[in-house]
């Protein structure tokens, strides 16, 4: 069994997912084999989540320094 997260992409006039070649090789699966696939929505991507987490890390590391500079 493999577990992976893949982005839904356009394939022709349909939408679908691709499976990584290395994962298929681990299974020993080849073109034409029958695979059982279970699908669930992990999360809708939040465009700003990465920026917010980077901001939080920056403030955590440099917040006091910035306050000291502002008070000079």
Protein backbone atom coordinates (compact mmCIF):
# COMPACT_ATOMS: atom_id res chain seq x y z
CA UNK A 1 0.00 0.00 0.00
CA UNK A 2 1.15 3.53 -0.72
CA UNK A 3 -0.18 6.78 0.69
CA UNK A 4 0.50 10.01 -1.13
CA UNK A 5 -0.95 13.48 -1.57
CA UNK A 6 -1.34 14.68 -5.15
CA UNK A 7 -2.78 17.83 -6.68
CA UNK A 8 -5.87 17.47 -8.88
CA UNK A 9 -4.81 18.39 -12.42
CA UNK A 10 -6.39 18.68 -15.84
CA UNK A 11 -5.87 15.63 -18.05
CA UNK A 12 -7.38 16.26 -21.46
CA UNK A 13 -10.99 17.32 -20.90
CA UNK A 14 -11.07 15.56 -17.50
CA UNK A 15 -9.44 16.12 -14.15
CA UNK A 16 -7.36 13.54 -12.34
CA UNK A 17 -4.28 12.68 -10.33
CA UNK A 18 -1.04 11.01 -11.24
CA UNK A 19 0.77 8.44 -9.12
CA UNK A 20 4.52 8.76 -8.58
CA UNK A 21 6.53 6.22 -10.56
CA UNK A 22 8.64 5.31 -7.51
CA UNK A 23 5.51 4.45 -5.50
CA UNK A 24 4.15 2.31 -8.31
CA UNK A 25 7.50 0.53 -8.58
CA UNK A 26 7.39 -0.21 -4.83
CA UNK A 27 4.02 -1.86 -5.38
CA UNK A 28 5.26 -3.72 -8.43
CA UNK A 29 2.38 -2.18 -10.40
CA UNK A 30 2.56 -1.92 -14.17
CA UNK A 31 0.38 -0.34 -16.86
CA UNK A 32 -2.84 -2.32 -17.18
CA UNK A 33 -2.83 -3.57 -13.54
CA UNK A 34 -5.99 -3.02 -11.52
CA UNK A 35 -5.48 -0.68 -8.54
CA UNK A 36 -7.84 0.13 -5.67
CA UNK A 37 -7.83 3.86 -4.93
CA UNK A 38 -9.47 5.60 -1.97
CA UNK A 39 -9.76 9.39 -2.27
CA UNK A 40 -10.47 12.06 0.32
CA UNK A 41 -10.07 15.83 0.26
CA UNK A 42 -7.09 16.68 2.46
CA UNK A 43 -7.58 20.43 2.62
CA UNK A 44 -8.22 23.31 0.34
CA UNK A 45 -4.93 25.15 -0.13
CA UNK A 46 -4.63 28.41 1.79
CA UNK A 47 -2.64 30.79 -0.37
CA UNK A 48 -1.53 32.85 2.61
CA UNK A 49 -0.75 30.05 5.07
CA UNK A 50 2.93 29.76 4.07
CA UNK A 51 3.41 33.52 4.30
CA UNK A 52 1.75 33.63 7.73
CA UNK A 53 3.86 30.79 9.10
CA UNK A 54 7.05 32.42 7.78
CA UNK A 55 5.98 35.72 9.38
CA UNK A 56 5.34 33.99 12.71
CA UNK A 57 8.79 32.36 12.60
CA UNK A 58 10.40 35.73 11.77
CA UNK A 59 8.64 37.48 14.66
CA UNK A 60 9.56 34.64 17.00
CA UNK A 61 13.23 34.95 16.06
CA UNK A 62 13.61 38.72 15.63
CA UNK A 63 10.63 40.28 17.45
CA UNK A 64 12.54 41.52 20.47
CA UNK A 65 15.36 42.88 18.31
CA UNK A 66 12.84 44.84 16.23
CA UNK A 67 11.24 46.26 19.40
CA UNK A 68 14.68 47.29 20.70
CA UNK A 69 15.48 49.06 17.42
CA UNK A 70 12.12 50.84 17.41
CA UNK A 71 12.73 52.17 20.94
CA UNK A 72 16.14 53.72 20.13
